[in-house]
């Protein structure tokens, strides 16, 4: 469970980053939708695409944190 907390925590301090939590939850929803579609349940394409866009944007914002200028304490 500690690895999950460290994955979702912000790089500057030990607080949990909301961008990472939303991205991870959107990724899980996309995974569940894919499995549901395999087993015959129909998933609304617009809903699935919106979750994909959330994942892409969240990963982009999280990756951009690594290149942002950091404040010195």
PDB file of N, CA and C in Angstrom:
ATOM      1  N   UNK A   1       0.821  -1.189   0.000  1.00  0.00           N
ATOM      2  CA  UNK A   1       0.000   0.000   0.000  1.00  0.00           C
ATOM      3  C   UNK A   1       0.869   1.258   0.000  1.00  0.00           C
ATOM      4  N   UNK A   2       2.073   1.131   0.508  1.00  0.00           N
ATOM      5  CA  UNK A   2       2.977   2.269   0.554  1.00  0.00           C
ATOM      6  C   UNK A   2       3.391   2.715  -0.849  1.00  0.00           C
ATOM      7  N   UNK A   3       3.529   1.764  -1.779  1.00  0.00           N
ATOM      8  CA  UNK A   3       3.907   2.118  -3.145  1.00  0.00           C
ATOM      9  C   UNK A   3       2.812   2.914  -3.829  1.00  0.00           C
ATOM     10  N   UNK A   4       1.540   2.614  -3.504  1.00  0.00           N
ATOM     11  CA  UNK A   4       0.425   3.359  -4.080  1.00  0.00           C
ATOM     12  C   UNK A   4       0.425   4.796  -3.564  1.00  0.00           C
ATOM     13  N   UNK A   5       0.688   4.961  -2.287  1.00  0.00           N
ATOM     14  CA  UNK A   5       0.753   6.296  -1.705  1.00  0.00           C
ATOM     15  C   UNK A   5       1.909   7.088  -2.300  1.00  0.00           C
ATOM     16  N   UNK A   6       3.050   6.446  -2.505  1.00  0.00           N
ATOM     17  CA  UNK A   6       4.194   7.147  -3.084  1.00  0.00           C
ATOM     18  C   UNK A   6       3.958   7.458  -4.563  1.00  0.00           C
ATOM     19  N   UNK A   7       3.208   6.615  -5.269  1.00  0.00           N
ATOM     20  CA  UNK A   7       2.908   6.865  -6.671  1.00  0.00           C
ATOM     21  C   UNK A   7       1.972   8.063  -6.827  1.00  0.00           C
ATOM     22  N   UNK A   8       1.031   8.206  -5.919  1.00  0.00           N
ATOM     23  CA  UNK A   8       0.046   9.272  -6.008  1.00  0.00           C
ATOM     24  C   UNK A   8       0.480  10.555  -5.314  1.00  0.00           C
ATOM     25  N   UNK A   9       1.601  10.527  -4.612  1.00  0.00           N
ATOM     26  CA  UNK A   9       2.040  11.719  -3.890  1.00  0.00           C
ATOM     27  C   UNK A   9       2.748  12.687  -4.821  1.00  0.00           C
ATOM     28  N   UNK A  10       2.730  13.938  -4.419  1.00  0.00           N
ATOM     29  CA  UNK A  10       3.350  14.998  -5.197  1.00  0.00           C
ATOM     30  C   UNK A  10       4.862  14.915  -5.048  1.00  0.00           C
ATOM     31  N   UNK A  11       5.589  15.377  -6.045  1.00  0.00           N
ATOM     32  CA  UNK A  11       7.036  15.304  -6.010  1.00  0.00           C
ATOM     33  C   UNK A  11       7.685  16.294  -5.064  1.00  0.00           C
ATOM     34  N   UNK A  12       6.995  17.396  -4.752  1.00  0.00           N
ATOM     35  CA  UNK A  12       7.600  18.419  -3.917  1.00  0.00           C
ATOM     36  C   UNK A  12       7.444  18.142  -2.432  1.00  0.00           C
ATOM     37  N   UNK A  13       6.323  17.596  -2.045  1.00  0.00           N
ATOM     38  CA  UNK A  13       6.131  17.216  -0.645  1.00  0.00           C
ATOM     39  C   UNK A  13       5.398  15.886  -0.600  1.00  0.00           C
ATOM     40  N   UNK A  14       5.073  15.424   0.559  1.00  0.00           N
ATOM     41  CA  UNK A  14       4.491  14.082   0.670  1.00  0.00           C
ATOM     42  C   UNK A  14       2.968  14.069   0.578  1.00  0.00           C
ATOM     43  N   UNK A  15       2.351  15.171   0.178  1.00  0.00           N
ATOM     44  CA  UNK A  15       0.895  15.201   0.062  1.00  0.00           C
ATOM     45  C   UNK A  15       0.447  14.494  -1.221  1.00  0.00           C
ATOM     46  N   UNK A  16      -0.766  14.004  -1.209  1.00  0.00           N
ATOM     47  CA  UNK A  16      -1.311  13.297  -2.359  1.00  0.00           C
ATOM     48  C   UNK A  16      -1.750  14.318  -3.405  1.00  0.00           C
ATOM     49  N   UNK A  17      -1.352  14.090  -4.657  1.00  0.00           N
ATOM     50  CA  UNK A  17      -1.659  15.003  -5.750  1.00  0.00           C
ATOM     51  C   UNK A  17      -3.018  14.659  -6.354  1.00  0.00           C
ATOM     52  N   UNK A  18      -3.893  15.646  -6.442  1.00  0.00           N
ATOM     53  CA  UNK A  18      -5.231  15.393  -6.993  1.00  0.00           C
ATOM     54  C   UNK A  18      -5.158  15.058  -8.479  1.00  0.00           C
ATOM     55  N   UNK A  19      -4.198  15.643  -9.204  1.00  0.00           N
ATOM     56  CA  UNK A  19      -4.066  15.324 -10.629  1.00  0.00           C
ATOM     57  C   UNK A  19      -3.757  13.849 -10.821  1.00  0.00           C
ATOM     58  N   UNK A  20      -2.893  13.321  -9.994  1.00  0.00           N
ATOM     59  CA  UNK A  20      -2.522  11.908 -10.121  1.00  0.00           C
ATOM     60  C   UNK A  20      -3.659  10.988  -9.709  1.00  0.00           C
ATOM     61  N   UNK A  21      -4.414  11.365  -8.708  1.00  0.00           N
ATOM     62  CA  UNK A  21      -5.540  10.536  -8.268  1.00  0.00           C
ATOM     63  C   UNK A  21      -6.612  10.489  -9.354  1.00  0.00           C
ATOM     64  N   UNK A  22      -6.947  11.644  -9.939  1.00  0.00           N
ATOM     65  CA  UNK A  22      -7.960  11.693 -10.990  1.00  0.00           C
ATOM     66  C   UNK A  22      -7.503  10.907 -12.214  1.00  0.00           C
ATOM     67  N   UNK A  23      -6.222  11.038 -12.575  1.00  0.00           N
ATOM     68  CA  UNK A  23      -5.695  10.290 -13.716  1.00  0.00           C
ATOM     69  C   UNK A  23      -5.747   8.795 -13.461  1.00  0.00           C
ATOM     70  N   UNK A  24      -5.368   8.365 -12.270  1.00  0.00           N
ATOM     71  CA  UNK A  24      -5.374   6.939 -11.942  1.00  0.00           C
ATOM     72  C   UNK A  24      -6.800   6.386 -11.934  1.00  0.00           C
ATOM     73  N   UNK A  25      -7.749   7.139 -11.385  1.00  0.00           N
ATOM     74  CA  UNK A  25      -9.141   6.682 -11.361  1.00  0.00           C
ATOM     75  C   UNK A  25      -9.716   6.613 -12.781  1.00  0.00           C
ATOM     76  N   UNK A  26      -9.372   7.580 -13.637  1.00  0.00           N
ATOM     77  CA  UNK A  26      -9.839   7.549 -15.023  1.00  0.00           C
ATOM     78  C   UNK A  26      -9.255   6.354 -15.766  1.00  0.00           C
ATOM     79  N   UNK A  27      -7.999   6.047 -15.484  1.00  0.00           N
ATOM     80  CA  UNK A  27      -7.371   4.881 -16.090  1.00  0.00           C
ATOM     81  C   UNK A  27      -8.071   3.590 -15.656  1.00  0.00           C
ATOM     82  N   UNK A  28      -8.422   3.493 -14.378  1.00  0.00           N
ATOM     83  CA  UNK A  28      -9.138   2.304 -13.896  1.00  0.00           C
ATOM     84  C   UNK A  28     -10.522   2.188 -14.545  1.00  0.00           C
ATOM     85  N   UNK A  29     -11.220   3.301 -14.696  1.00  0.00           N
ATOM     86  CA  UNK A  29     -12.530   3.281 -15.340  1.00  0.00           C
ATOM     87  C   UNK A  29     -12.408   2.823 -16.788  1.00  0.00           C
ATOM     88  N   UNK A  30     -11.366   3.302 -17.490  1.00  0.00           N
ATOM     89  CA  UNK A  30     -11.148   2.860 -18.874  1.00  0.00           C
ATOM     90  C   UNK A  30     -10.859   1.360 -18.931  1.00  0.00           C
ATOM     91  N   UNK A  31     -10.099   0.871 -17.976  1.00  0.00           N
ATOM     92  CA  UNK A  31      -9.816  -0.565 -17.927  1.00  0.00           C
ATOM     93  C   UNK A  31     -11.069  -1.388 -17.674  1.00  0.00           C
ATOM     94  N   UNK A  32     -11.912  -0.930 -16.750  1.00  0.00           N
ATOM     95  CA  UNK A  32     -13.163  -1.632 -16.484  1.00  0.00           C
ATOM     96  C   UNK A  32     -14.086  -1.589 -17.695  1.00  0.00           C
ATOM     97  N   UNK A  33     -14.108  -0.453 -18.400  1.00  0.00           N
ATOM     98  CA  UNK A  33     -14.945  -0.342 -19.597  1.00  0.00           C
ATOM     99  C   UNK A  33     -14.465  -1.289 -20.688  1.00  0.00           C
ATOM    100  N   UNK A  34     -13.160  -1.436 -20.813  1.00  0.00           N
ATOM    101  CA  UNK A  34     -12.617  -2.356 -21.805  1.00  0.00           C
ATOM    102  C   UNK A  34     -13.005  -3.800 -21.479  1.00  0.00           C
ATOM    103  N   UNK A  35     -12.879  -4.176 -20.219  1.00  0.00           N
ATOM    104  CA  UNK A  35     -13.253  -5.532 -19.814  1.00  0.00           C
ATOM    105  C   UNK A  35     -14.755  -5.747 -19.998  1.00  0.00           C
ATOM    106  N   UNK A  36     -15.561  -4.747 -19.657  1.00  0.00           N
ATOM    107  CA  UNK A  36     -17.013  -4.870 -19.833  1.00  0.00           C
ATOM    108  C   UNK A  36     -17.374  -5.011 -21.305  1.00  0.00           C
ATOM    109  N   UNK A  37     -16.664  -4.293 -22.175  1.00  0.00           N
ATOM    110  CA  UNK A  37     -16.937  -4.396 -23.605  1.00  0.00           C
ATOM    111  C   UNK A  37     -16.560  -5.773 -24.142  1.00  0.00           C
ATOM    112  N   UNK A  38     -15.528  -6.363 -23.589  1.00  0.00           N
ATOM    113  CA  UNK A  38     -15.125  -7.718 -24.003  1.00  0.00           C
ATOM    114  C   UNK A  38     -16.217  -8.724 -23.666  1.00  0.00           C
ATOM    115  N   UNK A  39     -16.865  -8.532 -22.517  1.00  0.00           N
ATOM    116  CA  UNK A  39     -17.888  -9.476 -22.089  1.00  0.00           C
ATOM    117  C   UNK A  39     -19.288  -9.131 -22.589  1.00  0.00           C
ATOM    118  N   UNK A  40     -19.396  -8.213 -23.545  1.00  0.00           N
ATOM    119  CA  UNK A  40     -20.667  -7.980 -24.203  1.00  0.00           C
ATOM    120  C   UNK A  40     -21.451  -6.779 -23.734  1.00  0.00           C
ATOM    121  N   UNK A  41     -21.036  -6.104 -22.682  1.00  0.00           N
ATOM    122  CA  UNK A  41     -21.739  -4.901 -22.247  1.00  0.00           C
ATOM    123  C   UNK A  41     -21.319  -3.741 -23.139  1.00  0.00           C
ATOM    124  N   UNK A  42     -22.291  -2.976 -23.570  1.00  0.00           N
ATOM    125  CA  UNK A  42     -21.993  -1.849 -24.451  1.00  0.00           C
ATOM    126  C   UNK A  42     -21.644  -0.616 -23.622  1.00  0.00           C
ATOM    127  N   UNK A  43     -20.521  -0.022 -23.952  1.00  0.00           N
ATOM    128  CA  UNK A  43     -20.051   1.194 -23.293  1.00  0.00           C
ATOM    129  C   UNK A  43     -20.262   2.353 -24.260  1.00  0.00           C
ATOM    130  N   UNK A  44     -20.782   3.452 -23.759  1.00  0.00           N
ATOM    131  CA  UNK A  44     -21.005   4.626 -24.597  1.00  0.00           C
ATOM    132  C   UNK A  44     -19.668   5.153 -25.094  1.00  0.00           C
ATOM    133  N   UNK A  45     -19.487   5.251 -26.404  1.00  0.00           N
ATOM    134  CA  UNK A  45     -18.186   5.691 -26.936  1.00  0.00           C
ATOM    135  C   UNK A  45     -17.776   7.086 -26.473  1.00  0.00           C
ATOM    136  N   UNK A  46     -18.729   8.005 -26.337  1.00  0.00           N
ATOM    137  CA  UNK A  46     -18.369   9.357 -25.903  1.00  0.00           C
ATOM    138  C   UNK A  46     -17.875   9.363 -24.453  1.00  0.00           C
ATOM    139  N   UNK A  47     -18.453   8.519 -23.612  1.00  0.00           N
ATOM    140  CA  UNK A  47     -17.995   8.411 -22.228  1.00  0.00           C
ATOM    141  C   UNK A  47     -16.586   7.824 -22.170  1.00  0.00           C
ATOM    142  N   UNK A  48     -16.349   6.801 -22.962  1.00  0.00           N
ATOM    143  CA  UNK A  48     -15.027   6.177 -22.992  1.00  0.00           C
ATOM    144  C   UNK A  48     -13.971   7.157 -23.511  1.00  0.00           C
ATOM    145  N   UNK A  49     -14.316   7.911 -24.563  1.00  0.00           N
ATOM    146  CA  UNK A  49     -13.374   8.883 -25.107  1.00  0.00           C
ATOM    147  C   UNK A  49     -13.076   9.998 -24.113  1.00  0.00           C
ATOM    148  N   UNK A  50     -14.069  10.423 -23.357  1.00  0.00           N
ATOM    149  CA  UNK A  50     -13.821  11.478 -22.368  1.00  0.00           C
ATOM    150  C   UNK A  50     -12.897  10.980 -21.264  1.00  0.00           C
ATOM    151  N   UNK A  51     -13.027   9.723 -20.873  1.00  0.00           N
ATOM    152  CA  UNK A  51     -12.114   9.164 -19.875  1.00  0.00           C
ATOM    153  C   UNK A  51     -10.691   9.056 -20.435  1.00  0.00           C
ATOM    154  N   UNK A  52     -10.578   8.688 -21.709  1.00  0.00           N
ATOM    155  CA  UNK A  52      -9.263   8.618 -22.352  1.00  0.00           C
ATOM    156  C   UNK A  52      -8.614   9.997 -22.373  1.00  0.00           C
ATOM    157  N   UNK A  53      -9.409  11.038 -22.688  1.00  0.00           N
ATOM    158  CA  UNK A  53      -8.860  12.400 -22.710  1.00  0.00           C
ATOM    159  C   UNK A  53      -8.421  12.847 -21.320  1.00  0.00           C
ATOM    160  N   UNK A  54      -9.155  12.439 -20.282  1.00  0.00           N
ATOM    161  CA  UNK A  54      -8.733  12.750 -18.918  1.00  0.00           C
ATOM    162  C   UNK A  54      -7.406  12.086 -18.584  1.00  0.00           C
ATOM    163  N   UNK A  55      -7.240  10.841 -18.995  1.00  0.00           N
ATOM    164  CA  UNK A  55      -5.982  10.131 -18.741  1.00  0.00           C
ATOM    165  C   UNK A  55      -4.831  10.805 -19.478  1.00  0.00           C
ATOM    166  N   UNK A  56      -5.042  11.149 -20.742  1.00  0.00           N
ATOM    167  CA  UNK A  56      -3.981  11.788 -21.531  1.00  0.00           C
ATOM    168  C   UNK A  56      -3.603  13.137 -20.924  1.00  0.00           C
ATOM    169  N   UNK A  57      -4.596  13.941 -20.581  1.00  0.00           N
ATOM    170  CA  UNK A  57      -4.308  15.254 -19.993  1.00  0.00           C
ATOM    171  C   UNK A  57      -3.631  15.119 -18.635  1.00  0.00           C
ATOM    172  N   UNK A  58      -4.105  14.185 -17.830  1.00  0.00           N
ATOM    173  CA  UNK A  58      -3.497  13.995 -16.512  1.00  0.00           C
ATOM    174  C   UNK A  58      -2.059  13.546 -16.595  1.00  0.00           C
ATOM    175  N   UNK A  59      -1.772  12.638 -17.525  1.00  0.00           N
ATOM    176  CA  UNK A  59      -0.385  12.200 -17.697  1.00  0.00           C
ATOM    177  C   UNK A  59       0.489  13.339 -18.214  1.00  0.00           C
ATOM    178  N   UNK A  60      -0.078  14.173 -19.085  1.00  0.00           N
ATOM    179  CA  UNK A  60       0.677  15.319 -19.598  1.00  0.00           C
ATOM    180  C   UNK A  60       0.994  16.327 -18.510  1.00  0.00           C
ATOM    181  N   UNK A  61       0.007  16.643 -17.660  1.00  0.00           N
ATOM    182  CA  UNK A  61       0.243  17.586 -16.574  1.00  0.00           C
ATOM    183  C   UNK A  61       1.209  17.022 -15.544  1.00  0.00           C
ATOM    184  N   UNK A  62       1.097  15.733 -15.263  1.00  0.00           N
ATOM    185  CA  UNK A  62       2.002  15.119 -14.305  1.00  0.00           C
ATOM    186  C   UNK A  62       3.429  15.098 -14.839  1.00  0.00           C
ATOM    187  N   UNK A  63       3.577  14.825 -16.124  1.00  0.00           N
ATOM    188  CA  UNK A  63       4.917  14.821 -16.722  1.00  0.00           C
ATOM    189  C   UNK A  63       5.494  16.228 -16.785  1.00  0.00           C
ATOM    190  N   UNK A  64       4.643  17.226 -16.984  1.00  0.00           N
ATOM    191  CA  UNK A  64       5.153  18.599 -17.050  1.00  0.00           C
ATOM    192  C   UNK A  64       5.654  19.095 -15.698  1.00  0.00           C
ATOM    193  N   UNK A  65       5.210  18.474 -14.603  1.00  0.00           N
ATOM    194  CA  UNK A  65       5.722  18.854 -13.284  1.00  0.00           C
ATOM    195  C   UNK A  65       7.219  18.607 -13.172  1.00  0.00           C
ATOM    196  N   UNK A  66       7.718  17.630 -13.865  1.00  0.00           N
ATOM    197  CA  UNK A  66       9.142  17.305 -13.794  1.00  0.00           C
ATOM    198  C   UNK A  66      10.004  18.388 -14.439  1.00  0.00           C
ATOM    199  N   UNK A  67       9.428  19.128 -15.404  1.00  0.00           N
ATOM    200  CA  UNK A  67      10.186  20.147 -16.120  1.00  0.00           C
ATOM    201  C   UNK A  67       9.939  21.551 -15.593  1.00  0.00           C
ATOM    202  N   UNK A  68       9.006  21.701 -14.657  1.00  0.00           N
ATOM    203  CA  UNK A  68       8.692  23.017 -14.126  1.00  0.00           C
ATOM    204  C   UNK A  68       9.798  23.482 -13.182  1.00  0.00           C
ATOM    205  N   UNK A  69       9.979  24.775 -13.114  1.00  0.00           N
ATOM    206  CA  UNK A  69      10.974  25.341 -12.231  1.00  0.00           C
ATOM    207  C   UNK A  69      10.523  25.190 -10.791  1.00  0.00           C
ATOM    208  N   UNK A  70      11.364  24.681  -9.933  1.00  0.00           N
ATOM    209  CA  UNK A  70      11.024  24.434  -8.544  1.00  0.00           C
ATOM    210  C   UNK A  70      11.484  25.588  -7.677  1.00  0.00           C
ATOM    211  N   UNK A  71      10.663  25.899  -6.684  1.00  0.00           N
ATOM    212  CA  UNK A  71      11.025  26.940  -5.732  1.00  0.00           C
ATOM    213  C   UNK A  71      12.059  26.399  -4.763  1.00  0.00           C
ATOM    214  N   UNK A  72      13.001  27.232  -4.421  1.00  0.00           N
ATOM    215  CA  UNK A  72      13.981  26.840  -3.422  1.00  0.00           C
ATOM    216  C   UNK A  72      13.512  27.317  -2.063  1.00  0.00           C
ATOM    217  N   UNK A  73      13.709  26.479  -1.075  1.00  0.00           N
ATOM    218  CA  UNK A  73      13.258  26.816   0.278  1.00  0.00           C
ATOM    219  C   UNK A  73      14.287  27.598   1.023  1.00  0.00           C
TER     220      UNK A  73
END
